[in-house]
Amino acid sequence: MEYRKIIKFGKSAHVVSLPTSWIRKNNLNKGDTIYFEENGRNELIFSPKDIAIKDDIPAIIDLQNKSEAEIYREVSSAYINNHHTIIFKSNNISAEKSNELRRVIHSHLALEIIEQSTSKIVAKDFLNMKELSPRTLIRDIDTAVKVMFEDSRDTYKKNLVDSLLQRDEAVNSLHFLTWRTVLFNLKNPNVAKALNFDTSELLKHWLISDYLEEIADECKRVARYFSQVQISKKSLSEFLNLYTKIYDTYNESMKAFYKNDKDLAFKLTLKKVELLNECSDYLNRHYTIPHIPQLMERVRIMINQVHLLVKLNYIMT
């Protein structure tokens, strides 16, 4: 650690000298502009105005003896860590393995195969990470989750389970891209600065993306069981009333997030107990009906996930 003395400069400013080694490393010259930000530890972080983003380093994945699930995890890791090129290698890539790989690759937004042989497949994306904002991606995920809420609620009219599975895959893709964008901004503070993001805001968007993805999963699972239950009109009306309350709480929570409304977020934190009590009451009166216990367990988990979203909006607003 190096030390520098503070020198008074005029009546309203002070200066600190910068190490020559840092100036040279960042190709700076006299008269160039740098910027600084204060983090949560009372420290000032200085960065060049335009930091050159590192060239893409390809990620190499060995396909030998790996299942589709294992390959999926490795691809997701490389994708989130901003490897624009992913190279898959194997002694002999069979047609079956190639089809598995295509499913994995196409589950990640903008990732496409650009080269293929019997021993190597190359996938690449041409995303401009400077142009992607976590704010926009969160709105896209929110829009998809709202549709999933409505479809899962309406699945008693028409079985929409397959449609929900497709929408869930879209949410997963946006979720991965949000993680990737947040991580890119954390590693490139000049980009985050241009988007008016600080570290805490990036962390908040990362966590919200997680909660939205988990809520989308529960919408899919609720629909799976809801499509199988057979209940009276009165019981159906009671369930739909409860489910609509959960949906309304979710909508209000996202409104609190977009408007940075801490008071609204606090009021919504009080909804959890009320909704869980209604959930337990409904289960106690219908637990002998096939699929109701499983359905209400998914609803209970959903209430808890929505509450985590609400609590985050209250704590980090």
C-alpha atoms as a PDB file:
ATOM      1  CA  MET A   1       0.000   0.000   0.000  1.00  0.00           C
ATOM      2  CA  GLU A   2       1.279   3.423  -0.970  1.00  0.00           C
ATOM      3  CA  TYR A   3       0.594   6.698   0.819  1.00  0.00           C
ATOM      4  CA  ARG A   4       0.091  10.201  -0.572  1.00  0.00           C
ATOM      5  CA  LYS A   5      -0.148  13.504   1.253  1.00  0.00           C
ATOM      6  CA  ILE A   6      -3.122  15.813   0.766  1.00  0.00           C
ATOM      7  CA  ILE A   7      -2.102  19.173  -0.671  1.00  0.00           C
ATOM      8  CA  LYS A   8      -4.337  22.212  -0.397  1.00  0.00           C
ATOM      9  CA  PHE A   9      -5.212  23.711  -3.770  1.00  0.00           C
ATOM     10  CA  GLY A  10      -6.814  27.147  -3.629  1.00  0.00           C
ATOM     11  CA  LYS A  11      -9.582  27.932  -1.155  1.00  0.00           C
ATOM     12  CA  SER A  12     -12.024  25.130  -1.933  1.00  0.00           C
ATOM     13  CA  ALA A  13     -10.080  22.052  -3.085  1.00  0.00           C
ATOM     14  CA  HIS A  14      -7.298  19.653  -2.200  1.00  0.00           C
ATOM     15  CA  VAL A  15      -5.182  17.464  -4.481  1.00  0.00           C
ATOM     16  CA  VAL A  16      -3.460  14.088  -4.216  1.00  0.00           C
ATOM     17  CA  SER A  17      -0.755  12.968  -6.659  1.00  0.00           C
ATOM     18  CA  LEU A  18      -1.347   9.804  -8.723  1.00  0.00           C
ATOM     19  CA  PRO A  19       1.381   7.132  -9.168  1.00  0.00           C
ATOM     20  CA  THR A  20       3.182   7.338 -12.508  1.00  0.00           C
ATOM     21  CA  SER A  21       2.964   3.557 -12.876  1.00  0.00           C
ATOM     22  CA  TRP A  22      -0.859   3.743 -12.762  1.00  0.00           C
ATOM     23  CA  ILE A  23      -0.889   6.615 -15.282  1.00  0.00           C
ATOM     24  CA  ARG A  24       1.243   4.607 -17.707  1.00  0.00           C
ATOM     25  CA  LYS A  25      -0.702   1.387 -17.172  1.00  0.00           C
ATOM     26  CA  ASN A  26      -3.926   3.132 -18.199  1.00  0.00           C
ATOM     27  CA  ASN A  27      -2.355   5.088 -21.089  1.00  0.00           C
ATOM     28  CA  LEU A  28      -3.215   8.446 -19.524  1.00  0.00           C
ATOM     29  CA  ASN A  29      -1.594  11.779 -20.242  1.00  0.00           C
ATOM     30  CA  LYS A  30      -1.688  15.279 -18.874  1.00  0.00           C
ATOM     31  CA  GLY A  31      -5.127  16.798 -19.446  1.00  0.00           C
ATOM     32  CA  ASP A  32      -6.982  13.455 -19.656  1.00  0.00           C
ATOM     33  CA  THR A  33     -10.159  13.026 -17.622  1.00  0.00           C
ATOM     34  CA  ILE A  34     -10.672  10.460 -14.875  1.00  0.00           C
ATOM     35  CA  TYR A  35     -13.694   9.954 -12.663  1.00  0.00           C
ATOM     36  CA  PHE A  36     -14.203   8.813  -9.096  1.00  0.00           C
ATOM     37  CA  GLU A  37     -16.996   7.429  -6.950  1.00  0.00           C
ATOM     38  CA  GLU A  38     -17.423   6.928  -3.223  1.00  0.00           C
ATOM     39  CA  ASN A  39     -18.253   3.395  -2.122  1.00  0.00           C
ATOM     40  CA  GLY A  40     -20.045   2.285   1.039  1.00  0.00           C
ATOM     41  CA  ARG A  41     -16.773   2.106   3.032  1.00  0.00           C
ATOM     42  CA  ASN A  42     -16.022   5.822   2.812  1.00  0.00           C
ATOM     43  CA  GLU A  43     -13.411   5.179   0.101  1.00  0.00           C
ATOM     44  CA  LEU A  44     -12.889   6.995  -3.198  1.00  0.00           C
ATOM     45  CA  ILE A  45     -12.423   4.796  -6.273  1.00  0.00           C
ATOM     46  CA  PHE A  46     -10.631   6.421  -9.224  1.00  0.00           C
ATOM     47  CA  SER A  47     -10.953   5.044 -12.752  1.00  0.00           C
ATOM     48  CA  PRO A  48      -9.928   6.207 -16.234  1.00  0.00           C
ATOM     49  CA  LYS A  49     -12.744   7.813 -18.225  1.00  0.00           C
ATOM     50  CA  ASP A  50     -12.683   5.041 -20.820  1.00  0.00           C
ATOM     51  CA  ILE A  51     -11.386   1.687 -19.677  1.00  0.00           C
ATOM     52  CA  ALA A  52     -10.677  -0.638 -22.566  1.00  0.00           C
ATOM     53  CA  ILE A  53     -12.707  -3.811 -22.180  1.00  0.00           C
ATOM     54  CA  LYS A  54     -10.529  -6.907 -22.372  1.00  0.00           C
ATOM     55  CA  ASP A  55     -10.538  -8.959 -25.547  1.00  0.00           C
ATOM     56  CA  ASP A  56     -12.741 -12.019 -25.446  1.00  0.00           C
ATOM     57  CA  ILE A  57     -10.999 -15.084 -24.065  1.00  0.00           C
ATOM     58  CA  PRO A  58     -12.789 -18.193 -25.346  1.00  0.00           C
ATOM     59  CA  ALA A  59     -14.103 -20.697 -22.833  1.00  0.00           C
ATOM     60  CA  ILE A  60     -13.195 -24.283 -23.707  1.00  0.00           C
ATOM     61  CA  ILE A  61     -15.542 -27.089 -22.628  1.00  0.00           C
ATOM     62  CA  ASP A  62     -14.626 -30.768 -22.952  1.00  0.00           C
ATOM     63  CA  LEU A  63     -17.763 -32.742 -23.847  1.00  0.00           C
ATOM     64  CA  GLN A  64     -16.278 -36.140 -23.117  1.00  0.00           C
ATOM     65  CA  ASN A  65     -18.445 -38.236 -20.737  1.00  0.00           C
ATOM     66  CA  LYS A  66     -20.577 -35.259 -19.669  1.00  0.00           C
ATOM     67  CA  SER A  67     -24.355 -35.232 -19.377  1.00  0.00           C
ATOM     68  CA  GLU A  68     -26.551 -32.508 -20.844  1.00  0.00           C
ATOM     69  CA  ALA A  69     -27.088 -31.107 -17.330  1.00  0.00           C
ATOM     70  CA  GLU A  70     -23.333 -30.882 -16.705  1.00  0.00           C
ATOM     71  CA  ILE A  71     -22.755 -29.159 -20.039  1.00  0.00           C
ATOM     72  CA  TYR A  72     -25.616 -26.760 -19.283  1.00  0.00           C
ATOM     73  CA  ARG A  73     -23.957 -25.696 -16.027  1.00  0.00           C
ATOM     74  CA  GLU A  74     -20.597 -25.125 -17.702  1.00  0.00           C
ATOM     75  CA  VAL A  75     -22.129 -23.132 -20.558  1.00  0.00           C
ATOM     76  CA  SER A  76     -24.145 -21.013 -18.105  1.00  0.00           C
ATOM     77  CA  SER A  77     -21.001 -20.266 -16.096  1.00  0.00           C
ATOM     78  CA  ALA A  78     -19.032 -19.243 -19.205  1.00  0.00           C
ATOM     79  CA  TYR A  79     -21.958 -17.166 -20.496  1.00  0.00           C
ATOM     80  CA  ILE A  80     -22.510 -15.317 -17.208  1.00  0.00           C
ATOM     81  CA  ASN A  81     -18.768 -14.621 -16.949  1.00  0.00           C
ATOM     82  CA  ASN A  82     -18.900 -12.831 -20.317  1.00  0.00           C
ATOM     83  CA  HIS A  83     -17.101 -15.289 -22.557  1.00  0.00           C
ATOM     84  CA  HIS A  84     -18.454 -14.310 -25.980  1.00  0.00           C
ATOM     85  CA  THR A  85     -16.951 -17.440 -27.554  1.00  0.00           C
ATOM     86  CA  ILE A  86     -17.393 -20.977 -26.224  1.00  0.00           C
ATOM     87  CA  ILE A  87     -15.505 -23.870 -27.839  1.00  0.00           C
ATOM     88  CA  PHE A  88     -16.771 -27.426 -27.315  1.00  0.00           C
ATOM     89  CA  LYS A  89     -14.334 -30.276 -27.964  1.00  0.00           C
ATOM     90  CA  SER A  90     -14.632 -34.062 -28.071  1.00  0.00           C
ATOM     91  CA  ASN A  91     -13.064 -37.003 -29.876  1.00  0.00           C
ATOM     92  CA  ASN A  92     -16.283 -37.636 -31.750  1.00  0.00           C
ATOM     93  CA  ILE A  93     -19.396 -35.454 -31.428  1.00  0.00           C
ATOM     94  CA  SER A  94     -22.352 -37.690 -32.244  1.00  0.00           C
ATOM     95  CA  ALA A  95     -25.620 -36.461 -33.708  1.00  0.00           C
ATOM     96  CA  GLU A  96     -27.299 -37.049 -30.326  1.00  0.00           C
ATOM     97  CA  LYS A  97     -24.637 -35.026 -28.483  1.00  0.00           C
ATOM     98  CA  SER A  98     -24.889 -32.295 -31.107  1.00  0.00           C
ATOM     99  CA  ASN A  99     -28.661 -32.046 -30.550  1.00  0.00           C
ATOM    100  CA  GLU A 100     -28.129 -31.868 -26.768  1.00  0.00           C
ATOM    101  CA  LEU A 101     -25.614 -29.096 -27.297  1.00  0.00           C
ATOM    102  CA  ARG A 102     -27.963 -27.134 -29.531  1.00  0.00           C
ATOM    103  CA  ARG A 103     -30.657 -27.224 -26.837  1.00  0.00           C
ATOM    104  CA  VAL A 104     -28.186 -25.940 -24.255  1.00  0.00           C
ATOM    105  CA  ILE A 105     -26.801 -23.203 -26.503  1.00  0.00           C
ATOM    106  CA  HIS A 106     -30.219 -21.942 -27.610  1.00  0.00           C
ATOM    107  CA  SER A 107     -31.341 -21.647 -23.990  1.00  0.00           C
ATOM    108  CA  HIS A 108     -28.920 -18.703 -23.649  1.00  0.00           C
ATOM    109  CA  LEU A 109     -29.939 -15.481 -25.371  1.00  0.00           C
ATOM    110  CA  ALA A 110     -27.981 -14.494 -28.493  1.00  0.00           C
ATOM    111  CA  LEU A 111     -25.648 -17.509 -28.298  1.00  0.00           C
ATOM    112  CA  GLU A 112     -25.412 -19.253 -31.678  1.00  0.00           C
ATOM    113  CA  ILE A 113     -23.324 -21.970 -33.316  1.00  0.00           C
ATOM    114  CA  ILE A 114     -20.930 -20.514 -35.887  1.00  0.00           C
ATOM    115  CA  GLU A 115     -18.707 -23.536 -36.599  1.00  0.00           C
ATOM    116  CA  GLN A 116     -19.194 -27.286 -36.353  1.00  0.00           C
ATOM    117  CA  SER A 117     -17.216 -30.433 -37.080  1.00  0.00           C
ATOM    118  CA  THR A 118     -17.073 -33.966 -35.658  1.00  0.00           C
ATOM    119  CA  SER A 119     -14.527 -32.885 -33.018  1.00  0.00           C
ATOM    120  CA  LYS A 120     -15.337 -29.240 -32.334  1.00  0.00           C
ATOM    121  CA  ILE A 121     -18.319 -26.907 -32.105  1.00  0.00           C
ATOM    122  CA  VAL A 122     -17.914 -23.166 -31.658  1.00  0.00           C
ATOM    123  CA  ALA A 123     -20.688 -20.968 -30.268  1.00  0.00           C
ATOM    124  CA  LYS A 124     -20.511 -17.195 -30.150  1.00  0.00           C
ATOM    125  CA  ASP A 125     -22.612 -14.168 -29.318  1.00  0.00           C
ATOM    126  CA  PHE A 126     -22.116 -10.638 -30.564  1.00  0.00           C
ATOM    127  CA  LEU A 127     -23.788  -8.822 -27.672  1.00  0.00           C
ATOM    128  CA  ASN A 128     -22.628  -5.301 -26.962  1.00  0.00           C
ATOM    129  CA  MET A 129     -22.599  -5.432 -23.181  1.00  0.00           C
ATOM    130  CA  LYS A 130     -22.221  -1.647 -22.951  1.00  0.00           C
ATOM    131  CA  GLU A 131     -25.722  -1.268 -24.390  1.00  0.00           C
ATOM    132  CA  LEU A 132     -27.461  -3.676 -21.995  1.00  0.00           C
ATOM    133  CA  SER A 133     -28.983  -2.350 -18.777  1.00  0.00           C
ATOM    134  CA  PRO A 134     -30.098  -4.464 -15.792  1.00  0.00           C
ATOM    135  CA  ARG A 135     -33.057  -2.083 -15.424  1.00  0.00           C
ATOM    136  CA  THR A 136     -34.393  -2.968 -18.869  1.00  0.00           C
ATOM    137  CA  LEU A 137     -33.835  -6.686 -18.320  1.00  0.00           C
ATOM    138  CA  ILE A 138     -35.670  -6.632 -14.976  1.00  0.00           C
ATOM    139  CA  ARG A 139     -38.662  -5.003 -16.691  1.00  0.00           C
ATOM    140  CA  ASP A 140     -38.583  -7.726 -19.364  1.00  0.00           C
ATOM    141  CA  ILE A 141     -38.533 -10.468 -16.718  1.00  0.00           C
ATOM    142  CA  ASP A 142     -41.305  -8.731 -14.765  1.00  0.00           C
ATOM    143  CA  THR A 143     -43.493  -8.601 -17.880  1.00  0.00           C
ATOM    144  CA  ALA A 144     -42.975 -12.320 -18.479  1.00  0.00           C
ATOM    145  CA  VAL A 145     -43.695 -13.194 -14.831  1.00  0.00           C
ATOM    146  CA  LYS A 146     -46.966 -11.233 -14.915  1.00  0.00           C
ATOM    147  CA  VAL A 147     -48.106 -13.219 -17.948  1.00  0.00           C
ATOM    148  CA  MET A 148     -47.128 -16.443 -16.158  1.00  0.00           C
ATOM    149  CA  PHE A 149     -49.150 -15.395 -13.107  1.00  0.00           C
ATOM    150  CA  GLU A 150     -52.204 -14.818 -15.282  1.00  0.00           C
ATOM    151  CA  ASP A 151     -51.756 -18.042 -17.269  1.00  0.00           C
ATOM    152  CA  SER A 152     -51.283 -20.143 -14.132  1.00  0.00           C
ATOM    153  CA  ARG A 153     -54.421 -18.581 -12.648  1.00  0.00           C
ATOM    154  CA  ASP A 154     -56.410 -19.305 -15.828  1.00  0.00           C
ATOM    155  CA  THR A 155     -55.178 -22.850 -16.356  1.00  0.00           C
ATOM    156  CA  TYR A 156     -58.422 -24.254 -14.900  1.00  0.00           C
ATOM    157  CA  LYS A 157     -60.179 -22.931 -18.045  1.00  0.00           C
ATOM    158  CA  LYS A 158     -57.608 -24.301 -20.465  1.00  0.00           C
ATOM    159  CA  ASN A 159     -54.476 -26.305 -19.781  1.00  0.00           C
ATOM    160  CA  LEU A 160     -51.646 -23.806 -20.262  1.00  0.00           C
ATOM    161  CA  VAL A 161     -48.891 -25.879 -18.652  1.00  0.00           C
ATOM    162  CA  ASP A 162     -46.902 -26.330 -21.886  1.00  0.00           C
ATOM    163  CA  SER A 163     -47.135 -22.613 -22.631  1.00  0.00           C
ATOM    164  CA  LEU A 164     -45.893 -21.829 -19.123  1.00  0.00           C
ATOM    165  CA  LEU A 165     -42.912 -24.147 -19.586  1.00  0.00           C
ATOM    166  CA  GLN A 166     -41.882 -22.166 -22.660  1.00  0.00           C
ATOM    167  CA  ARG A 167     -42.325 -18.858 -20.859  1.00  0.00           C
ATOM    168  CA  ASP A 168     -40.280 -20.174 -17.946  1.00  0.00           C
ATOM    169  CA  GLU A 169     -37.417 -20.978 -20.321  1.00  0.00           C
ATOM    170  CA  ALA A 170     -37.583 -17.395 -21.607  1.00  0.00           C
ATOM    171  CA  VAL A 171     -37.427 -16.085 -18.023  1.00  0.00           C
ATOM    172  CA  ASN A 172     -34.401 -18.312 -17.341  1.00  0.00           C
ATOM    173  CA  SER A 173     -32.633 -16.878 -20.395  1.00  0.00           C
ATOM    174  CA  LEU A 174     -33.323 -13.294 -19.292  1.00  0.00           C
ATOM    175  CA  HIS A 175     -32.234 -14.209 -15.768  1.00  0.00           C
ATOM    176  CA  PHE A 176     -28.839 -15.451 -16.992  1.00  0.00           C
ATOM    177  CA  LEU A 177     -28.413 -12.357 -19.149  1.00  0.00           C
ATOM    178  CA  THR A 178     -29.208 -10.125 -16.156  1.00  0.00           C
ATOM    179  CA  TRP A 179     -26.550 -11.880 -14.083  1.00  0.00           C
ATOM    180  CA  ARG A 180     -24.110 -11.467 -16.947  1.00  0.00           C
ATOM    181  CA  THR A 181     -24.909  -7.770 -17.342  1.00  0.00           C
ATOM    182  CA  VAL A 182     -24.586  -7.087 -13.613  1.00  0.00           C
ATOM    183  CA  LEU A 183     -21.247  -8.893 -13.465  1.00  0.00           C
ATOM    184  CA  PHE A 184     -20.028  -6.990 -16.525  1.00  0.00           C
ATOM    185  CA  ASN A 185     -20.925  -3.671 -14.880  1.00  0.00           C
ATOM    186  CA  LEU A 186     -19.196  -4.675 -11.640  1.00  0.00           C
ATOM    187  CA  LYS A 187     -16.013  -5.434 -13.572  1.00  0.00           C
ATOM    188  CA  ASN A 188     -16.321  -2.314 -15.745  1.00  0.00           C
ATOM    189  CA  PRO A 189     -17.177   0.591 -13.414  1.00  0.00           C
ATOM    190  CA  ASN A 190     -17.005   3.098 -16.266  1.00  0.00           C
ATOM    191  CA  VAL A 191     -19.966   1.344 -17.922  1.00  0.00           C
ATOM    192  CA  ALA A 192     -21.873   1.206 -14.626  1.00  0.00           C
ATOM    193  CA  LYS A 193     -21.169   4.909 -14.120  1.00  0.00           C
ATOM    194  CA  ALA A 194     -22.646   5.739 -17.531  1.00  0.00           C
ATOM    195  CA  LEU A 195     -25.817   3.812 -16.574  1.00  0.00           C
ATOM    196  CA  ASN A 196     -25.992   5.542 -13.154  1.00  0.00           C
ATOM    197  CA  PHE A 197     -25.417   2.302 -11.259  1.00  0.00           C
ATOM    198  CA  ASP A 198     -23.449   1.935  -8.063  1.00  0.00           C
ATOM    199  CA  THR A 199     -22.472  -1.373  -6.462  1.00  0.00           C
ATOM    200  CA  SER A 200     -25.518  -1.568  -4.182  1.00  0.00           C
ATOM    201  CA  GLU A 201     -27.911  -0.937  -7.092  1.00  0.00           C
ATOM    202  CA  LEU A 202     -26.238  -3.658  -9.138  1.00  0.00           C
ATOM    203  CA  LEU A 203     -26.522  -6.061  -6.199  1.00  0.00           C
ATOM    204  CA  LYS A 204     -30.205  -5.183  -5.813  1.00  0.00           C
ATOM    205  CA  HIS A 205     -30.922  -5.932  -9.474  1.00  0.00           C
ATOM    206  CA  TRP A 206     -29.009  -9.220  -9.197  1.00  0.00           C
ATOM    207  CA  LEU A 207     -31.158 -10.312  -6.229  1.00  0.00           C
ATOM    208  CA  ILE A 208     -34.435  -9.155  -7.778  1.00  0.00           C
ATOM    209  CA  SER A 209     -33.613 -11.163 -10.887  1.00  0.00           C
ATOM    210  CA  ASP A 210     -33.167 -14.212  -8.631  1.00  0.00           C
ATOM    211  CA  TYR A 211     -36.518 -13.713  -6.880  1.00  0.00           C
ATOM    212  CA  LEU A 212     -38.393 -13.133 -10.143  1.00  0.00           C
ATOM    213  CA  GLU A 213     -36.945 -16.302 -11.641  1.00  0.00           C
ATOM    214  CA  GLU A 214     -38.005 -18.293  -8.565  1.00  0.00           C
ATOM    215  CA  ILE A 215     -41.522 -16.810  -8.657  1.00  0.00           C
ATOM    216  CA  ALA A 216     -41.755 -17.789 -12.336  1.00  0.00           C
ATOM    217  CA  ASP A 217     -40.808 -21.358 -11.369  1.00  0.00           C
ATOM    218  CA  GLU A 218     -43.637 -21.456  -8.835  1.00  0.00           C
ATOM    219  CA  CYS A 219     -46.150 -20.150 -11.394  1.00  0.00           C
ATOM    220  CA  LYS A 220     -45.230 -23.115 -13.561  1.00  0.00           C
ATOM    221  CA  ARG A 221     -45.619 -25.565 -10.661  1.00  0.00           C
ATOM    222  CA  VAL A 222     -48.900 -24.050  -9.468  1.00  0.00           C
ATOM    223  CA  ALA A 223     -50.323 -24.507 -12.961  1.00  0.00           C
ATOM    224  CA  ARG A 224     -49.183 -28.142 -13.071  1.00  0.00           C
ATOM    225  CA  TYR A 225     -51.229 -29.046  -9.969  1.00  0.00           C
ATOM    226  CA  PHE A 226     -54.072 -26.589 -10.542  1.00  0.00           C
ATOM    227  CA  SER A 227     -54.786 -28.193 -13.923  1.00  0.00           C
ATOM    228  CA  GLN A 228     -55.403 -31.539 -12.158  1.00  0.00           C
ATOM    229  CA  VAL A 229     -57.662 -30.554  -9.242  1.00  0.00           C
ATOM    230  CA  GLN A 230     -61.413 -31.031  -9.305  1.00  0.00           C
ATOM    231  CA  ILE A 231     -63.203 -28.724  -6.868  1.00  0.00           C
ATOM    232  CA  SER A 232     -66.564 -27.026  -6.495  1.00  0.00           C
ATOM    233  CA  LYS A 233     -67.259 -23.576  -7.911  1.00  0.00           C
ATOM    234  CA  LYS A 234     -67.177 -22.132  -4.410  1.00  0.00           C
ATOM    235  CA  SER A 235     -63.779 -23.688  -3.637  1.00  0.00           C
ATOM    236  CA  LEU A 236     -62.476 -22.544  -7.024  1.00  0.00           C
ATOM    237  CA  SER A 237     -63.636 -18.995  -6.317  1.00  0.00           C
ATOM    238  CA  GLU A 238     -61.901 -19.035  -2.917  1.00  0.00           C
ATOM    239  CA  PHE A 239     -58.635 -20.252  -4.443  1.00  0.00           C
ATOM    240  CA  LEU A 240     -58.727 -17.687  -7.237  1.00  0.00           C
ATOM    241  CA  ASN A 241     -59.381 -14.951  -4.693  1.00  0.00           C
ATOM    242  CA  LEU A 242     -56.299 -15.971  -2.687  1.00  0.00           C
ATOM    243  CA  TYR A 243     -54.146 -16.309  -5.803  1.00  0.00           C
ATOM    244  CA  THR A 244     -55.240 -12.884  -7.050  1.00  0.00           C
ATOM    245  CA  LYS A 245     -54.190 -11.363  -3.707  1.00  0.00           C
ATOM    246  CA  ILE A 246     -50.724 -12.864  -4.134  1.00  0.00           C
ATOM    247  CA  TYR A 247     -50.559 -11.528  -7.691  1.00  0.00           C
ATOM    248  CA  ASP A 248     -51.660  -8.058  -6.521  1.00  0.00           C
ATOM    249  CA  THR A 249     -48.974  -8.087  -3.809  1.00  0.00           C
ATOM    250  CA  TYR A 250     -46.396  -8.985  -6.433  1.00  0.00           C
ATOM    251  CA  ASN A 251     -47.556  -6.160  -8.720  1.00  0.00           C
ATOM    252  CA  GLU A 252     -47.462  -3.631  -5.890  1.00  0.00           C
ATOM    253  CA  SER A 253     -44.000  -4.791  -4.910  1.00  0.00           C
ATOM    254  CA  MET A 254     -42.673  -4.179  -8.413  1.00  0.00           C
ATOM    255  CA  LYS A 255     -44.375  -0.786  -8.381  1.00  0.00           C
ATOM    256  CA  ALA A 256     -42.504   0.013  -5.149  1.00  0.00           C
ATOM    257  CA  PHE A 257     -39.271  -1.063  -6.836  1.00  0.00           C
ATOM    258  CA  TYR A 258     -39.779   1.060  -9.950  1.00  0.00           C
ATOM    259  CA  LYS A 259     -40.851   4.121  -7.947  1.00  0.00           C
ATOM    260  CA  ASN A 260     -38.310   3.606  -5.160  1.00  0.00           C
ATOM    261  CA  ASP A 261     -41.254   3.793  -2.733  1.00  0.00           C
ATOM    262  CA  LYS A 262     -40.097   2.614   0.702  1.00  0.00           C
ATOM    263  CA  ASP A 263     -43.439   3.337   2.415  1.00  0.00           C
ATOM    264  CA  LEU A 264     -45.336   1.126  -0.024  1.00  0.00           C
ATOM    265  CA  ALA A 265     -42.734  -1.619   0.334  1.00  0.00           C
ATOM    266  CA  PHE A 266     -43.086  -1.499   4.134  1.00  0.00           C
ATOM    267  CA  LYS A 267     -46.880  -1.842   3.954  1.00  0.00           C
ATOM    268  CA  LEU A 268     -46.504  -4.846   1.685  1.00  0.00           C
ATOM    269  CA  THR A 269     -44.212  -6.619   4.179  1.00  0.00           C
ATOM    270  CA  LEU A 270     -47.287  -6.975   6.421  1.00  0.00           C
ATOM    271  CA  LYS A 271     -49.116  -9.063   3.794  1.00  0.00           C
ATOM    272  CA  LYS A 272     -47.116 -12.261   4.314  1.00  0.00           C
ATOM    273  CA  VAL A 273     -48.831 -13.438   7.515  1.00  0.00           C
ATOM    274  CA  GLU A 274     -52.295 -12.668   6.142  1.00  0.00           C
ATOM    275  CA  LEU A 275     -51.677 -14.600   2.930  1.00  0.00           C
ATOM    276  CA  LEU A 276     -50.061 -17.577   4.693  1.00  0.00           C
ATOM    277  CA  ASN A 277     -53.005 -17.793   7.098  1.00  0.00           C
ATOM    278  CA  GLU A 278     -55.447 -17.857   4.178  1.00  0.00           C
ATOM    279  CA  CYS A 279     -53.326 -20.510   2.517  1.00  0.00           C
ATOM    280  CA  SER A 280     -53.356 -22.706   5.664  1.00  0.00           C
ATOM    281  CA  ASP A 281     -57.075 -22.218   6.152  1.00  0.00           C
ATOM    282  CA  TYR A 282     -57.819 -23.286   2.567  1.00  0.00           C
ATOM    283  CA  LEU A 283     -55.589 -26.349   2.905  1.00  0.00           C
ATOM    284  CA  ASN A 284     -57.236 -27.393   6.193  1.00  0.00           C
ATOM    285  CA  ARG A 285     -60.657 -27.356   4.531  1.00  0.00           C
ATOM    286  CA  HIS A 286     -59.616 -29.140   1.325  1.00  0.00           C
ATOM    287  CA  TYR A 287     -56.656 -31.371   2.223  1.00  0.00           C
ATOM    288  CA  THR A 288     -58.517 -34.598   1.315  1.00  0.00           C
ATOM    289  CA  ILE A 289     -58.975 -33.501  -2.304  1.00  0.00           C
ATOM    290  CA  PRO A 290     -56.301 -34.978  -4.623  1.00  0.00           C
ATOM    291  CA  HIS A 291     -53.495 -32.575  -5.597  1.00  0.00           C
ATOM    292  CA  ILE A 292     -54.675 -29.818  -3.218  1.00  0.00           C
ATOM    293  CA  PRO A 293     -51.841 -30.383  -0.662  1.00  0.00           C
ATOM    294  CA  GLN A 294     -49.217 -30.163  -3.433  1.00  0.00           C
ATOM    295  CA  LEU A 295     -50.916 -27.126  -4.961  1.00  0.00           C
ATOM    296  CA  MET A 296     -51.068 -25.247  -1.667  1.00  0.00           C
ATOM    297  CA  GLU A 297     -47.438 -26.081  -0.885  1.00  0.00           C
ATOM    298  CA  ARG A 298     -46.426 -24.362  -4.140  1.00  0.00           C
ATOM    299  CA  VAL A 299     -48.666 -21.407  -3.260  1.00  0.00           C
ATOM    300  CA  ARG A 300     -47.063 -21.181   0.191  1.00  0.00           C
ATOM    301  CA  ILE A 301     -43.581 -21.117  -1.346  1.00  0.00           C
ATOM    302  CA  MET A 302     -44.728 -18.462  -3.808  1.00  0.00           C
ATOM    303  CA  ILE A 303     -46.001 -16.266  -0.947  1.00  0.00           C
ATOM    304  CA  ASN A 304     -42.596 -16.533   0.721  1.00  0.00           C
ATOM    305  CA  GLN A 305     -40.787 -15.654  -2.516  1.00  0.00           C
ATOM    306  CA  VAL A 306     -42.983 -12.610  -3.093  1.00  0.00           C
ATOM    307  CA  HIS A 307     -42.301 -11.584   0.510  1.00  0.00           C
ATOM    308  CA  LEU A 308     -38.536 -11.801  -0.052  1.00  0.00           C
ATOM    309  CA  LEU A 309     -38.988  -9.498  -3.041  1.00  0.00           C
ATOM    310  CA  VAL A 310     -41.059  -7.098  -0.935  1.00  0.00           C
ATOM    311  CA  LYS A 311     -38.527  -7.147   1.905  1.00  0.00           C
ATOM    312  CA  LEU A 312     -35.631  -6.469  -0.456  1.00  0.00           C
ATOM    313  CA  ASN A 313     -37.477  -3.466  -1.887  1.00  0.00           C
ATOM    314  CA  TYR A 314     -38.017  -2.151   1.648  1.00  0.00           C
ATOM    315  CA  ILE A 315     -34.467  -2.750   2.901  1.00  0.00           C
ATOM    316  CA  MET A 316     -32.603  -1.519  -0.188  1.00  0.00           C
ATOM    317  CA  THR A 317     -34.841   1.397  -1.178  1.00  0.00           C
END
